[in-house]
N, C-alpha and C. Protein backbone atom coordinates (compact mmCIF):
# COMPACT_ATOMS: atom_id res chain seq x y z
N MET A 1 -4.71 10.09 -0.34
CA MET A 1 -4.92 8.67 -0.44
C MET A 1 -4.27 8.46 -1.23
N HIS A 2 -3.52 6.82 -1.26
CA HIS A 2 -2.90 7.01 -2.73
C HIS A 2 -3.38 5.50 -2.77
N ALA A 3 -3.06 4.86 -4.01
CA ALA A 3 -3.49 3.87 -4.47
C ALA A 3 -2.34 2.96 -5.33
N TYR A 4 -2.82 1.72 -5.50
CA TYR A 4 -1.34 1.03 -6.14
C TYR A 4 -1.97 0.40 -7.09
N LEU A 5 -1.01 -0.53 -8.24
CA LEU A 5 -1.57 -1.22 -9.14
C LEU A 5 -0.48 -2.88 -8.70
N THR A 6 -1.40 -3.82 -9.31
CA THR A 6 -0.26 -4.82 -9.47
C THR A 6 -0.03 -5.33 -11.00
N THR A 7 1.06 -5.75 -11.19
CA THR A 7 1.84 -5.95 -12.60
C THR A 7 1.07 -7.62 -12.95
N SER A 8 1.29 -7.69 -14.32
CA SER A 8 1.57 -9.24 -14.57
C SER A 8 2.47 -10.26 -13.86
N LEU A 9 1.73 -11.37 -13.82
CA LEU A 9 3.18 -12.21 -13.06
C LEU A 9 4.22 -12.17 -14.39
N VAL A 10 5.52 -12.63 -13.70
CA VAL A 10 6.70 -12.79 -14.91
C VAL A 10 7.02 -14.13 -14.20
N GLY A 11 7.05 -15.23 -14.98
CA GLY A 11 7.66 -16.56 -14.68
C GLY A 11 6.27 -17.40 -14.24
N GLU A 12 6.55 -18.00 -13.33
CA GLU A 12 5.49 -19.46 -12.95
C GLU A 12 4.59 -18.65 -11.93
N ARG A 13 3.62 -19.70 -12.27
CA ARG A 13 2.97 -19.99 -11.18
C ARG A 13 2.58 -20.82 -10.21
N ALA A 14 3.68 -21.31 -9.18
CA ALA A 14 3.89 -22.39 -8.91
C ALA A 14 4.22 -22.32 -7.08
N GLY A 15 3.66 -23.20 -6.14
CA GLY A 15 4.34 -22.93 -4.75
C GLY A 15 3.43 -22.32 -4.20
N GLU A 16 3.63 -21.52 -3.18
CA GLU A 16 2.93 -20.62 -2.32
C GLU A 16 3.23 -19.42 -2.95
N ILE A 17 1.90 -18.51 -2.92
CA ILE A 17 2.02 -17.05 -3.06
C ILE A 17 2.41 -16.18 -1.90
N PHE A 18 3.00 -15.31 -1.94
CA PHE A 18 3.12 -14.21 -1.38
C PHE A 18 2.93 -12.72 -1.86
N ARG A 19 2.65 -11.71 -0.67
CA ARG A 19 2.38 -10.56 -1.27
C ARG A 19 2.39 -9.71 -0.28
N ASP A 20 3.73 -8.70 -0.55
CA ASP A 20 4.19 -7.93 0.47
C ASP A 20 3.42 -6.43 0.72
N ILE A 21 2.04 -6.51 -0.14
CA ILE A 21 1.48 -5.15 0.24
C ILE A 21 0.09 -6.17 1.00
N PHE A 22 -0.66 -5.68 1.94
CA PHE A 22 -1.95 -6.15 2.52
C PHE A 22 -2.85 -5.45 1.69
N ILE A 23 -3.36 -4.27 1.94
CA ILE A 23 -4.10 -3.54 1.49
C ILE A 23 -4.44 -2.42 1.66
N ARG A 24 -4.91 -1.63 1.11
CA ARG A 24 -5.03 -0.35 1.29
C ARG A 24 -6.38 0.19 2.72
N ASP A 25 -5.54 0.68 3.59
CA ASP A 25 -6.99 0.66 4.57
C ASP A 25 -7.48 2.20 4.13
N ALA A 26 -8.98 2.41 5.48
CA ALA A 26 -9.71 3.39 5.03
C ALA A 26 -9.23 4.74 5.31
N ASP A 27 -8.11 4.92 5.71
CA ASP A 27 -7.16 6.34 5.89
C ASP A 27 -6.63 6.27 4.37
N GLY A 28 -6.31 5.69 3.67
CA GLY A 28 -5.87 5.68 2.24
C GLY A 28 -4.35 5.20 2.23
N LYS A 29 -3.64 4.64 3.22
CA LYS A 29 -2.34 4.38 3.81
C LYS A 29 -2.24 2.71 3.10
N ILE A 30 -0.95 2.56 2.62
CA ILE A 30 -1.01 1.00 1.87
C ILE A 30 0.07 0.57 2.79
N LEU A 31 -0.90 -0.68 3.53
CA LEU A 31 -0.29 -1.58 4.44
C LEU A 31 0.96 -2.90 4.14
N VAL A 32 1.70 -2.97 4.78
CA VAL A 32 2.68 -4.42 4.62
C VAL A 32 2.10 -5.04 5.26
N ASN A 33 2.28 -6.50 4.38
CA ASN A 33 1.43 -7.55 4.62
C ASN A 33 3.00 -8.62 5.77
N GLY A 34 2.93 -7.63 7.00
CA GLY A 34 3.78 -8.05 7.91
C GLY A 34 2.97 -9.78 8.60
N PRO A 35 3.80 -10.62 9.38
CA PRO A 35 3.27 -11.84 10.01
C PRO A 35 2.28 -11.84 10.78
N GLU A 36 2.57 -10.53 11.60
CA GLU A 36 1.77 -10.27 12.93
C GLU A 36 1.03 -8.81 12.48
N GLU A 37 1.44 -8.07 12.61
CA GLU A 37 0.77 -6.45 12.48
C GLU A 37 0.94 -6.01 11.16
N LYS A 38 -0.13 -5.43 10.50
CA LYS A 38 -0.31 -4.58 9.22
C LYS A 38 0.48 -3.41 9.31
N PRO A 39 1.47 -2.90 9.31
CA PRO A 39 2.05 -1.43 9.30
C PRO A 39 1.75 -0.65 8.14
N ALA A 40 1.82 0.38 7.68
CA ALA A 40 1.87 1.49 6.84
C ALA A 40 3.36 1.59 6.41
N LEU A 41 3.51 1.45 5.09
CA LEU A 41 4.39 1.76 4.39
C LEU A 41 4.63 3.18 4.15
N ASP A 42 6.03 3.31 3.99
CA ASP A 42 6.73 4.76 3.97
C ASP A 42 6.37 5.33 2.11
N LEU A 43 5.86 5.66 1.98
CA LEU A 43 5.70 5.85 0.09
C LEU A 43 6.42 6.51 -0.41
N GLN A 44 7.28 7.73 0.41
CA GLN A 44 8.36 8.18 -0.22
C GLN A 44 9.88 7.76 -0.07
N HIS A 45 9.84 6.37 0.60
CA HIS A 45 11.29 5.36 0.70
C HIS A 45 10.69 4.21 0.94
N PRO A 46 10.17 3.40 0.04
CA PRO A 46 9.34 2.41 0.56
C PRO A 46 10.17 1.14 1.07
N ILE A 47 11.36 1.14 -0.16
CA ILE A 47 12.33 0.48 0.22
C ILE A 47 14.00 0.51 0.72
N GLN A 48 14.56 -0.13 2.02
CA GLN A 48 15.58 -0.10 2.61
C GLN A 48 16.77 -0.92 2.04
N ARG A 49 16.40 -1.80 1.82
CA ARG A 49 17.22 -3.16 1.53
C ARG A 49 16.51 -4.51 0.50
N ILE A 50 17.25 -4.57 -0.24
CA ILE A 50 16.96 -6.09 -0.82
C ILE A 50 18.14 -6.95 -1.28
N ALA A 51 18.16 -8.44 -0.43
CA ALA A 51 19.01 -9.32 -0.57
C ALA A 51 18.44 -10.56 -1.52
N VAL A 52 19.39 -11.07 -2.55
CA VAL A 52 19.01 -12.13 -2.69
C VAL A 52 19.57 -13.19 -3.16
N ARG A 53 19.61 -14.57 -2.52
CA ARG A 53 20.19 -15.69 -2.67
C ARG A 53 19.98 -16.65 -4.16
N SER A 54 21.26 -16.99 -4.80
CA SER A 54 21.16 -17.90 -6.02
C SER A 54 21.53 -18.94 -5.61
N ARG A 55 21.28 -20.07 -6.11
CA ARG A 55 21.93 -21.18 -6.33
C ARG A 55 21.35 -22.29 -7.99
N PHE A 56 22.34 -22.77 -7.97
CA PHE A 56 22.13 -23.49 -9.56
C PHE A 56 21.39 -22.82 -10.47
N VAL A 57 22.40 -21.32 -10.40
CA VAL A 57 21.83 -20.62 -11.69
C VAL A 57 20.12 -20.19 -11.50
N ALA A 58 19.73 -19.93 -10.05
CA ALA A 58 18.53 -19.41 -10.03
C ALA A 58 18.26 -18.86 -8.96
N VAL A 59 17.22 -17.81 -8.69
CA VAL A 59 16.95 -17.17 -7.54
C VAL A 59 16.18 -18.21 -6.56
N ASP A 60 16.37 -18.21 -5.62
CA ASP A 60 16.11 -19.59 -4.52
C ASP A 60 15.52 -18.62 -3.40
N SER A 61 15.71 -17.16 -3.12
CA SER A 61 15.34 -16.26 -1.85
C SER A 61 15.67 -15.15 -2.25
N LEU A 62 14.52 -14.23 -1.62
CA LEU A 62 14.57 -12.99 -1.90
C LEU A 62 14.34 -12.25 0.03
N SER A 63 15.01 -11.38 0.32
CA SER A 63 14.69 -10.74 1.55
C SER A 63 14.60 -9.31 1.17
N ILE A 64 13.36 -8.64 1.54
CA ILE A 64 12.95 -6.80 1.18
C ILE A 64 12.57 -6.55 2.68
N THR A 65 13.58 -5.50 2.82
CA THR A 65 13.65 -4.74 3.70
C THR A 65 12.75 -3.21 3.43
N TYR A 66 11.21 -3.35 3.75
CA TYR A 66 10.27 -2.10 3.54
C TYR A 66 11.00 -0.87 5.13
N GLN A 67 10.46 0.25 4.50
CA GLN A 67 10.54 1.33 5.68
C GLN A 67 8.85 1.51 5.83
N LEU A 68 8.75 1.77 7.05
CA LEU A 68 7.62 2.04 7.61
C LEU A 68 7.32 3.59 7.42
N ALA A 69 5.95 3.95 7.54
CA ALA A 69 5.60 5.50 7.94
C ALA A 69 5.61 6.01 9.08
N ASP A 70 6.01 5.00 10.11
CA ASP A 70 6.19 5.28 11.53
C ASP A 70 8.02 5.28 11.40
N GLY A 71 8.68 5.32 10.87
CA GLY A 71 10.00 5.24 10.58
C GLY A 71 10.63 4.00 10.92
N GLY A 72 10.50 3.29 11.41
CA GLY A 72 10.34 1.72 12.00
C GLY A 72 10.86 0.90 10.37
N ASN A 73 11.05 -0.05 10.62
CA ASN A 73 10.99 -1.06 9.30
C ASN A 73 10.58 -2.79 9.67
N ILE A 74 10.08 -3.26 8.43
CA ILE A 74 9.84 -4.87 8.30
C ILE A 74 10.59 -5.21 7.32
N THR A 75 11.45 -6.43 7.74
CA THR A 75 11.93 -7.47 6.66
C THR A 75 10.84 -8.64 6.42
N LEU A 76 11.11 -8.59 5.20
CA LEU A 76 9.80 -9.99 4.48
C LEU A 76 11.12 -10.78 4.38
N ASP A 77 11.31 -12.02 3.95
CA ASP A 77 12.07 -13.09 3.41
C ASP A 77 10.82 -14.10 2.79
N HIS A 78 11.50 -14.19 1.80
CA HIS A 78 10.53 -15.24 0.58
C HIS A 78 11.53 -16.20 0.19
N GLY A 79 11.57 -17.55 -0.02
CA GLY A 79 11.55 -18.63 -0.56
C GLY A 79 12.38 -19.54 -0.08
N PHE A 80 13.54 -20.06 -0.25
CA PHE A 80 14.06 -21.31 0.55
C PHE A 80 14.51 -20.98 2.37
N GLN A 81 15.56 -20.01 1.55
CA GLN A 81 16.42 -19.90 3.12
C GLN A 81 16.78 -18.52 2.79
N PRO A 82 16.27 -17.34 4.05
CA PRO A 82 16.46 -16.16 3.97
C PRO A 82 18.43 -15.78 3.24
N PRO A 83 18.37 -14.55 2.66
CA PRO A 83 19.80 -14.40 2.00
C PRO A 83 20.46 -14.10 3.07
N ASP A 84 22.30 -14.32 3.03
CA ASP A 84 22.46 -14.12 4.02
C ASP A 84 22.70 -12.04 4.19
N PRO A 85 22.34 -11.63 5.22
CA PRO A 85 22.46 -9.74 5.12
C PRO A 85 23.67 -9.34 4.74
N ASN A 86 24.67 -9.93 4.79
CA ASN A 86 26.10 -9.72 4.37
C ASN A 86 26.66 -9.69 3.34
N THR A 87 25.95 -10.74 2.74
CA THR A 87 26.13 -11.09 1.23
C THR A 87 25.46 -10.70 0.26
N GLY A 88 25.91 -9.75 -0.63
CA GLY A 88 24.88 -9.72 -2.05
C GLY A 88 23.62 -8.47 -1.48
N ALA A 89 23.52 -7.92 -0.59
CA ALA A 89 22.67 -7.18 -0.28
C ALA A 89 22.95 -6.20 -0.81
N ILE A 90 21.64 -5.28 -1.09
CA ILE A 90 21.57 -3.77 -1.95
C ILE A 90 20.70 -3.06 -1.01
N ASP A 91 21.67 -1.91 -0.14
CA ASP A 91 20.96 -1.08 0.72
C ASP A 91 20.92 0.41 -0.18
N PHE A 92 19.41 0.81 0.42
CA PHE A 92 19.31 2.15 -0.57
C PHE A 92 19.51 3.20 0.32
N ALA A 93 20.40 4.27 0.02
CA ALA A 93 20.21 5.79 0.95
C ALA A 93 18.92 6.31 1.16
N GLU A 94 18.73 6.98 1.75
CA GLU A 94 17.57 7.90 2.18
C GLU A 94 16.89 8.71 0.88
N SER A 95 18.07 8.90 -0.20
CA SER A 95 16.96 9.67 -1.56
C SER A 95 17.01 8.45 -2.48
N GLU A 96 16.82 7.33 -2.01
CA GLU A 96 17.77 6.55 -3.17
C GLU A 96 15.94 5.98 -3.40
N ARG A 97 15.27 6.05 -4.70
CA ARG A 97 14.36 4.91 -5.10
C ARG A 97 14.62 3.47 -6.08
N LEU A 98 14.01 3.04 -6.38
CA LEU A 98 13.80 1.48 -6.99
C LEU A 98 12.82 2.05 -7.97
N VAL A 99 13.41 2.47 -9.12
CA VAL A 99 12.64 3.08 -10.62
C VAL A 99 12.38 1.53 -11.30
N GLY A 100 13.49 0.47 -10.90
CA GLY A 100 13.23 -0.62 -12.13
C GLY A 100 13.60 -1.94 -11.87
N VAL A 101 13.08 -2.93 -12.04
CA VAL A 101 13.64 -4.62 -11.96
C VAL A 101 13.45 -4.92 -13.26
N PHE A 102 14.60 -5.56 -13.61
CA PHE A 102 14.86 -6.24 -14.46
C PHE A 102 15.13 -7.53 -14.23
N GLY A 103 15.02 -8.19 -15.42
CA GLY A 103 15.69 -10.05 -15.29
C GLY A 103 15.62 -10.87 -16.25
N ARG A 104 15.21 -12.76 -16.14
CA ARG A 104 14.93 -13.25 -17.39
C ARG A 104 14.19 -14.31 -16.19
N THR A 105 13.45 -15.26 -16.92
CA THR A 105 12.62 -16.22 -16.32
C THR A 105 13.29 -17.21 -17.25
N GLY A 106 12.98 -18.68 -16.98
CA GLY A 106 13.09 -19.73 -17.55
C GLY A 106 13.12 -21.11 -17.26
N PHE A 107 12.89 -21.81 -17.92
CA PHE A 107 12.89 -23.59 -17.39
C PHE A 107 13.51 -23.89 -16.72
N HIS A 108 14.06 -24.22 -15.91
CA HIS A 108 15.38 -24.89 -15.07
C HIS A 108 15.21 -26.64 -14.77
N PRO A 109 16.03 -27.07 -15.40
CA PRO A 109 15.68 -28.64 -15.40
C PRO A 109 16.19 -29.58 -14.28
N TRP A 110 16.59 -28.68 -13.31
CA TRP A 110 16.79 -29.12 -11.76
C TRP A 110 15.75 -28.73 -10.92
N TYR A 111 15.01 -27.83 -11.15
CA TYR A 111 13.93 -27.58 -10.29
C TYR A 111 12.69 -28.36 -11.12
N ARG A 112 12.82 -28.17 -12.24
CA ARG A 112 11.65 -28.68 -13.12
C ARG A 112 10.84 -27.74 -13.19
N THR A 113 10.79 -26.86 -13.42
CA THR A 113 9.81 -25.82 -13.52
C THR A 113 10.22 -24.50 -13.82
N THR A 114 9.50 -23.65 -14.39
CA THR A 114 10.03 -21.83 -14.69
C THR A 114 10.44 -21.26 -13.58
N VAL A 115 11.48 -21.00 -13.62
CA VAL A 115 12.16 -19.66 -12.61
C VAL A 115 12.51 -18.52 -12.88
N ILE A 116 12.85 -17.52 -11.71
CA ILE A 116 13.60 -16.03 -11.60
C ILE A 116 14.98 -16.53 -12.31
N LEU A 117 15.85 -16.88 -13.29
CA LEU A 117 16.99 -16.95 -13.62
C LEU A 117 18.03 -15.78 -13.36
N ALA A 118 17.44 -14.51 -13.25
CA ALA A 118 18.57 -13.40 -13.35
C ALA A 118 17.72 -12.49 -12.71
N LEU A 119 18.09 -11.32 -11.83
CA LEU A 119 17.32 -10.30 -11.12
C LEU A 119 18.13 -9.39 -11.20
N GLY A 120 17.86 -7.90 -11.60
CA GLY A 120 18.44 -6.97 -11.57
C GLY A 120 17.95 -5.53 -10.93
N LEU A 121 18.44 -4.68 -11.18
CA LEU A 121 17.44 -3.17 -9.95
C LEU A 121 18.48 -2.31 -10.71
N VAL A 122 17.41 -0.92 -10.87
CA VAL A 122 17.48 0.04 -11.19
C VAL A 122 17.60 1.11 -10.15
N ILE A 123 18.54 1.94 -9.66
CA ILE A 123 18.02 2.55 -8.41
C ILE A 123 18.06 4.05 -8.73
N PHE A 124 17.31 4.93 -8.72
CA PHE A 124 17.65 6.43 -8.98
C PHE A 124 17.60 6.90 -7.27
N ASP A 125 18.79 8.00 -7.50
CA ASP A 125 19.22 9.21 -6.23
C ASP A 125 18.44 10.13 -6.66
N VAL A 126 17.26 10.92 -5.64
CA VAL A 126 16.62 11.84 -6.16
C VAL A 126 17.15 12.90 -5.76
N ALA A 127 18.41 13.04 -4.88
CA ALA A 127 18.98 13.95 -4.52
C ALA A 127 20.12 14.05 -5.15
N LYS A 128 20.64 13.46 -5.67
CA LYS A 128 21.95 13.46 -6.89
C LYS A 128 21.61 13.36 -8.17
N GLY A 129 20.56 13.37 -8.37
CA GLY A 129 19.84 12.79 -9.83
C GLY A 129 20.79 12.01 -10.78
N THR A 130 21.07 10.75 -9.80
CA THR A 130 22.12 9.70 -10.65
C THR A 130 21.43 8.31 -9.98
N THR A 131 21.85 7.38 -11.09
CA THR A 131 21.27 6.23 -11.62
C THR A 131 22.15 5.12 -11.23
N ARG A 132 22.32 4.21 -10.46
CA ARG A 132 22.75 2.60 -10.25
C ARG A 132 22.25 1.47 -10.53
N VAL A 133 22.69 0.83 -11.54
CA VAL A 133 22.56 -0.32 -12.09
C VAL A 133 22.90 -1.60 -11.03
N VAL A 134 22.32 -2.33 -10.66
CA VAL A 134 22.61 -3.92 -9.90
C VAL A 134 22.28 -4.70 -9.93
N HIS A 135 22.93 -5.78 -10.60
CA HIS A 135 22.83 -7.22 -11.06
C HIS A 135 22.94 -8.05 -9.78
N THR A 136 21.66 -8.51 -9.30
CA THR A 136 22.08 -9.50 -7.90
C THR A 136 22.10 -10.74 -7.98
N LEU A 137 22.49 -11.31 -9.37
CA LEU A 137 22.65 -13.04 -9.53
C LEU A 137 23.66 -13.23 -8.56
N ARG A 138 23.82 -14.04 -7.53
CA ARG A 138 24.98 -14.49 -7.07
C ARG A 138 24.73 -15.76 -6.81
N ARG A 139 26.07 -16.59 -6.76
CA ARG A 139 25.82 -17.76 -6.65
C ARG A 139 26.18 -18.24 -5.26
N ALA A 140 25.59 -18.74 -4.52
CA ALA A 140 25.70 -19.26 -2.73
C ALA A 140 26.63 -20.04 -3.06
N ASP A 141 26.59 -21.19 -3.84
CA ASP A 141 27.67 -21.82 -3.42
C ASP A 141 29.25 -21.70 -4.25
N GLY A 142 29.59 -20.12 -4.50
CA GLY A 142 30.50 -19.96 -4.63
C GLY A 142 31.24 -20.42 -6.24
N ALA A 143 30.43 -20.83 -7.04
CA ALA A 143 30.64 -21.53 -8.35
C ALA A 143 31.29 -20.55 -9.25
N ASP A 144 31.43 -20.60 -10.39
CA ASP A 144 32.03 -19.48 -11.47
C ASP A 144 30.64 -19.01 -11.86
N GLN A 145 30.94 -17.52 -11.81
CA GLN A 145 30.36 -16.60 -11.81
C GLN A 145 29.86 -16.78 -13.02
N ALA A 146 30.77 -16.82 -14.07
CA ALA A 146 30.39 -17.05 -15.55
C ALA A 146 29.16 -18.38 -16.42
N GLU A 147 29.59 -18.83 -15.32
CA GLU A 147 28.66 -20.00 -15.23
C GLU A 147 27.19 -19.55 -15.16
N SER A 148 27.06 -18.71 -14.11
CA SER A 148 25.86 -18.17 -13.68
C SER A 148 25.22 -17.21 -14.95
N GLU A 149 26.39 -16.12 -15.05
CA GLU A 149 25.88 -15.27 -16.33
C GLU A 149 25.36 -15.78 -17.57
N ALA A 150 26.17 -16.79 -17.74
CA ALA A 150 25.91 -17.67 -19.27
C ALA A 150 24.30 -17.99 -19.20
N ALA A 151 24.17 -18.98 -17.79
CA ALA A 151 22.77 -19.45 -18.17
C ALA A 151 21.53 -18.23 -17.95
N ALA A 152 21.97 -16.84 -17.43
CA ALA A 152 21.08 -16.13 -16.74
C ALA A 152 20.49 -15.30 -18.16
N ARG A 153 21.31 -15.74 -19.28
CA ARG A 153 21.30 -15.16 -20.58
C ARG A 153 20.05 -16.08 -21.14
N GLU A 154 19.77 -16.97 -20.88
CA GLU A 154 18.53 -17.90 -21.05
C GLU A 154 16.97 -17.51 -20.87
N GLY A 155 15.89 -18.02 -21.33
CA GLY A 155 14.90 -17.55 -21.26
C GLY A 155 14.44 -16.32 -21.87
N THR A 156 13.16 -15.85 -20.67
CA THR A 156 12.25 -14.72 -21.33
C THR A 156 13.08 -13.76 -20.43
N SER A 157 13.36 -11.93 -20.97
CA SER A 157 13.24 -10.86 -20.04
C SER A 157 11.93 -10.50 -19.79
N PHE A 158 12.56 -9.69 -18.89
CA PHE A 158 10.83 -8.66 -18.25
C PHE A 158 11.60 -7.58 -17.35
N TYR A 159 11.00 -6.40 -17.61
CA TYR A 159 11.37 -5.28 -16.95
C TYR A 159 10.14 -4.46 -16.41
N VAL A 160 10.35 -3.96 -15.27
CA VAL A 160 9.09 -3.35 -14.89
C VAL A 160 9.66 -1.79 -13.95
N SER A 161 8.76 -0.88 -13.96
CA SER A 161 9.39 0.31 -13.95
C SER A 161 8.38 0.56 -12.14
N ASP A 162 9.06 1.63 -11.66
CA ASP A 162 8.35 2.28 -10.28
C ASP A 162 7.89 1.06 -9.18
N VAL A 163 8.68 0.23 -8.95
CA VAL A 163 8.48 -0.74 -7.90
C VAL A 163 7.81 -0.26 -6.59
N LEU A 164 7.06 -0.14 -5.99
CA LEU A 164 6.89 -0.07 -4.65
C LEU A 164 7.03 -1.22 -3.68
N ALA A 165 6.72 -2.55 -4.20
CA ALA A 165 7.11 -3.22 -3.37
C ALA A 165 6.82 -5.02 -3.91
N PHE A 166 7.47 -6.15 -3.52
CA PHE A 166 7.33 -7.31 -4.31
C PHE A 166 6.04 -7.91 -3.65
N GLY A 167 5.47 -9.25 -4.96
CA GLY A 167 4.67 -10.44 -4.78
C GLY A 167 5.18 -11.22 -5.59
N GLY A 168 4.71 -12.37 -5.18
CA GLY A 168 5.35 -13.52 -6.24
C GLY A 168 4.82 -15.13 -5.53
N PHE A 169 5.60 -15.67 -5.82
CA PHE A 169 5.31 -17.55 -5.89
C PHE A 169 6.75 -17.91 -5.06
N GLU A 170 6.49 -18.70 -4.19
CA GLU A 170 7.86 -19.40 -3.53
C GLU A 170 7.76 -20.93 -3.67
N VAL A 171 8.40 -21.63 -3.60
CA VAL A 171 8.82 -22.77 -3.53
C VAL A 171 9.67 -23.61 -2.44
N ASN A 172 9.01 -24.34 -1.34
CA ASN A 172 10.10 -25.00 -0.49
C ASN A 172 10.20 -26.15 -0.03
N GLY A 173 11.38 -27.05 -0.72
CA GLY A 173 11.39 -28.38 -0.70
C GLY A 173 12.64 -28.57 0.43
N THR A 174 12.78 -30.13 0.58
CA THR A 174 13.73 -30.47 1.41
C THR A 174 15.48 -29.98 0.91
N GLY A 175 15.90 -28.67 0.97
CA GLY A 175 16.82 -29.05 0.70
C GLY A 175 17.23 -28.12 -0.58
N PHE A 176 15.63 -27.49 -1.13
CA PHE A 176 16.23 -26.68 -2.29
C PHE A 176 14.66 -25.68 -1.97
N GLY A 177 14.86 -24.62 -3.28
CA GLY A 177 14.00 -24.32 -3.14
C GLY A 177 14.22 -23.04 -4.60
N ALA A 178 12.74 -22.27 -4.58
CA ALA A 178 13.06 -21.09 -5.50
C ALA A 178 11.91 -20.04 -6.14
N ILE A 179 12.01 -19.25 -6.32
CA ILE A 179 11.27 -18.15 -6.60
C ILE A 179 10.92 -18.03 -8.15
N PRO A 180 9.46 -19.64 -8.40
CA PRO A 180 9.35 -18.98 -9.64
C PRO A 180 8.54 -18.27 -10.51
N GLY A 181 8.17 -17.01 -9.67
CA GLY A 181 7.71 -16.00 -10.67
C GLY A 181 7.04 -14.92 -9.62
N LEU A 182 7.17 -13.75 -9.88
CA LEU A 182 7.07 -12.29 -9.37
C LEU A 182 5.90 -11.53 -9.90
N PHE A 183 5.61 -10.70 -9.42
CA PHE A 183 4.78 -9.71 -9.52
C PHE A 183 5.36 -8.38 -9.11
N PHE A 184 4.83 -7.49 -9.40
CA PHE A 184 5.15 -5.89 -8.63
C PHE A 184 4.02 -5.22 -8.55
N TYR A 185 4.40 -4.92 -7.07
CA TYR A 185 3.26 -3.67 -6.66
C TYR A 185 4.16 -2.05 -6.89
N LYS A 186 2.93 -1.20 -7.67
CA LYS A 186 3.74 -0.58 -8.47
C LYS A 186 2.65 1.34 -7.72
N ASP A 187 3.19 2.33 -7.32
CA ASP A 187 2.57 3.02 -7.15
C ASP A 187 1.88 3.86 -7.45
N ALA A 188 0.31 4.20 -8.07
CA ALA A 188 -0.48 4.30 -8.65
C ALA A 188 -0.32 6.11 -8.89
N GLY A 189 -0.25 6.60 -7.78
CA GLY A 189 0.25 7.79 -7.55
C GLY A 189 -0.69 8.68 -7.40
N VAL A 190 -1.79 7.99 -7.21
CA VAL A 190 -3.26 8.63 -7.11
C VAL A 190 -3.47 9.29 -5.53
N GLN A 191 -3.90 10.61 -5.07
CA GLN A 191 -4.22 11.21 -4.13
C GLN A 191 -5.36 11.79 -3.88
N VAL A 192 -5.95 11.38 -3.30
CA VAL A 192 -7.41 12.05 -2.93
C VAL A 192 -7.86 12.41 -1.93
């Protein structure tokens, strides 16, 4: 039986909450909060892919593909519009694990709230013993990347390790959206 922990929120509590982990069931399996069913998560390789969409120097949507215990997968989209799966998606090899998420939160004048300004991932390959770091901030409108990177240096930085799944808040407006805040589920590593 596995247990999980939830981190503190980084960013703002605004909009609708999303929770990618549903609950630990009576059999000790950690269940993904799918739209219709609640399948068990593969705890050895929980994340297959993460896609991020950014406009106006802020993360406005996330799409996370989770690997399930039965070998299948489920993709959960959050925010304004699902990211293009062919642009800015980070695929995880079977032997790779998400060992860290980092970034910055800060007030954005266009959104008039605190949002996730930058997001990065630290990915560890357990077979090769190598690490890769991916900065996921992408301007969907093709604007100057230097402008995005400069704005992403503003705000408050955060870092969390050993991420199992995502949770947070999403704002969906007419023609815009944002991810104001995130929290993370971590595997507590407890087997009973």
